[in-house]
Amino acid sequence: MAEELRRLLEAEARAEALVDGAKRECDRLIEQAHAEVRAAEQRAEEHLPELRSSFFNKAVERADLALAELERRYHQRGELLRSLAQKHGDEAVSAAFALFIDPDWE
C-alpha cells in the first residue's frame, strides 16, 4: 500500500510539473505573440507616412488631371462662344447695313 501511495505521489508530482511546464510555455507563447503584434504595429506606424504620401501624391495627380480637363473644356467653350459671337456680330452688321440701305427691309 505504501508503495502504491509513493507511486501516486510521484505521478502527481510529475503531472504538476507537466502542468507547470505547460503553463510556462503558454505564457511564453502569449508573450511572444504580444511582442510580434507590437513589432507589427510599430512597422505599420513607421510605414504610415509613406502610405499617406503615396495617397496624397495620387490625389494630387487626379486633381491635376481633373483641372487640365476643366481647362480644356473652358477653352473649347470660349472658342465656341467667340465663334458664335463673330457669326452673330457679322449677321448683326449685315442686318444693320441692310436696314441702313433699305429702311423698309425686314
Protein backbone atom coordinates (compact mmCIF):
# COMPACT_ATOMS: atom_id res chain seq x y z
CA MET A 1 0.00 0.00 0.00
CA ALA A 2 2.81 2.41 0.87
CA GLU A 3 4.42 1.63 -2.49
CA GLU A 4 1.20 2.49 -4.30
CA LEU A 5 0.89 5.77 -2.41
CA ARG A 6 4.51 6.62 -3.20
CA ARG A 7 3.90 5.94 -6.91
CA LEU A 8 0.69 8.00 -6.86
CA LEU A 9 2.52 10.90 -5.20
CA GLU A 10 5.33 10.65 -7.75
CA ALA A 11 2.77 10.57 -10.60
CA GLU A 12 1.01 13.57 -9.10
CA ALA A 13 4.33 15.43 -8.82
CA ARG A 14 5.15 14.62 -12.47
CA ALA A 15 1.66 15.73 -13.53
CA GLU A 16 2.04 19.02 -11.62
CA ALA A 17 5.44 19.53 -13.22
CA LEU A 18 3.94 18.92 -16.66
CA VAL A 19 1.08 21.33 -15.93
CA ASP A 20 3.52 23.97 -14.65
CA GLY A 21 5.70 23.49 -17.72
CA ALA A 22 2.67 23.79 -19.99
CA LYS A 23 1.58 26.98 -18.20
CA ARG A 24 5.07 28.46 -18.59
CA GLU A 25 5.10 27.50 -22.28
CA CYS A 26 1.65 29.02 -22.76
CA ASP A 27 2.75 32.24 -21.02
CA ARG A 28 5.90 32.33 -23.16
CA LEU A 29 3.87 31.85 -26.35
CA ILE A 30 1.42 34.57 -25.33
CA GLU A 31 4.27 36.98 -24.56
CA GLN A 32 5.94 36.11 -27.86
CA ALA A 33 2.66 36.77 -29.71
CA HIS A 34 2.30 40.12 -27.92
CA ALA A 35 5.86 41.05 -28.89
CA GLU A 36 5.19 40.10 -32.52
CA VAL A 37 1.99 42.18 -32.52
CA ARG A 38 3.82 45.18 -31.03
CA ALA A 39 6.55 44.82 -33.67
CA ALA A 40 3.96 44.60 -36.45
CA GLU A 41 2.17 47.68 -35.10
CA GLN A 42 5.45 49.58 -34.97
CA ARG A 43 6.28 48.60 -38.55
CA ALA A 44 2.82 49.74 -39.62
CA GLU A 45 3.26 53.05 -37.76
CA GLU A 46 6.62 53.57 -39.47
CA HIS A 47 5.04 52.82 -42.84
CA LEU A 48 2.12 55.28 -42.39
CA PRO A 49 3.94 58.42 -43.62
CA GLU A 50 4.93 56.60 -46.80
CA LEU A 51 1.33 55.42 -47.33
CA ARG A 52 -0.05 58.89 -46.66
CA SER A 53 2.46 60.40 -49.06
CA SER A 54 1.53 57.88 -51.73
CA PHE A 55 -2.20 58.56 -51.35
CA PHE A 56 -1.58 62.32 -51.30
CA ASN A 57 0.52 62.14 -54.47
CA LYS A 58 -2.17 60.11 -56.22
CA ALA A 59 -4.82 62.60 -55.12
CA VAL A 60 -2.73 65.48 -56.46
CA GLU A 61 -2.29 63.65 -59.77
CA ARG A 62 -6.05 63.08 -60.04
CA ALA A 63 -6.71 66.73 -59.17
CA ASP A 64 -4.19 67.88 -61.79
CA LEU A 65 -5.88 65.69 -64.41
CA ALA A 66 -9.33 67.00 -63.46
CA LEU A 67 -8.06 70.58 -63.60
CA ALA A 68 -6.48 70.01 -67.02
CA GLU A 69 -9.77 68.57 -68.29
CA LEU A 70 -11.72 71.55 -66.92
CA GLU A 71 -9.28 73.97 -68.54
CA ARG A 72 -9.58 72.12 -71.86
CA ARG A 73 -13.38 72.35 -71.69
CA TYR A 74 -13.17 76.02 -70.68
CA HIS A 75 -11.03 76.85 -73.71
CA GLN A 76 -13.28 74.83 -76.03
CA ARG A 77 -16.33 76.64 -74.71
CA GLY A 78 -14.57 80.00 -75.08
CA GLU A 79 -13.69 79.23 -78.69
CA LEU A 80 -17.28 78.22 -79.40
CA LEU A 81 -18.62 81.41 -77.79
CA ARG A 82 -16.16 83.58 -79.74
CA SER A 83 -17.16 81.82 -82.94
CA LEU A 84 -20.85 82.34 -82.21
CA ALA A 85 -20.24 85.98 -81.26
CA GLN A 86 -18.35 86.55 -84.51
CA LYS A 87 -21.10 84.88 -86.53
CA HIS A 88 -23.89 86.78 -84.82
CA GLY A 89 -21.87 90.00 -84.97
CA ASP A 90 -21.46 89.57 -88.71
CA GLU A 91 -25.18 88.89 -89.04
CA ALA A 92 -25.97 91.98 -86.97
CA VAL A 93 -23.67 94.14 -89.10
CA SER A 94 -25.27 92.77 -92.27
CA ALA A 95 -28.75 93.39 -90.89
CA ALA A 96 -27.81 96.92 -89.79
CA PHE A 97 -26.25 97.64 -93.17
CA ALA A 98 -29.32 96.29 -94.96
CA LEU A 99 -31.54 98.38 -92.73
CA PHE A 100 -29.39 101.44 -93.38
CA ILE A 101 -29.58 100.95 -97.13
CA ASP A 102 -33.22 99.92 -97.18
CA PRO A 103 -35.16 101.16 -94.15
CA ASP A 104 -38.15 99.00 -95.14
CA TRP A 105 -36.06 95.78 -95.05
CA GLU A 106 -37.02 93.19 -92.52
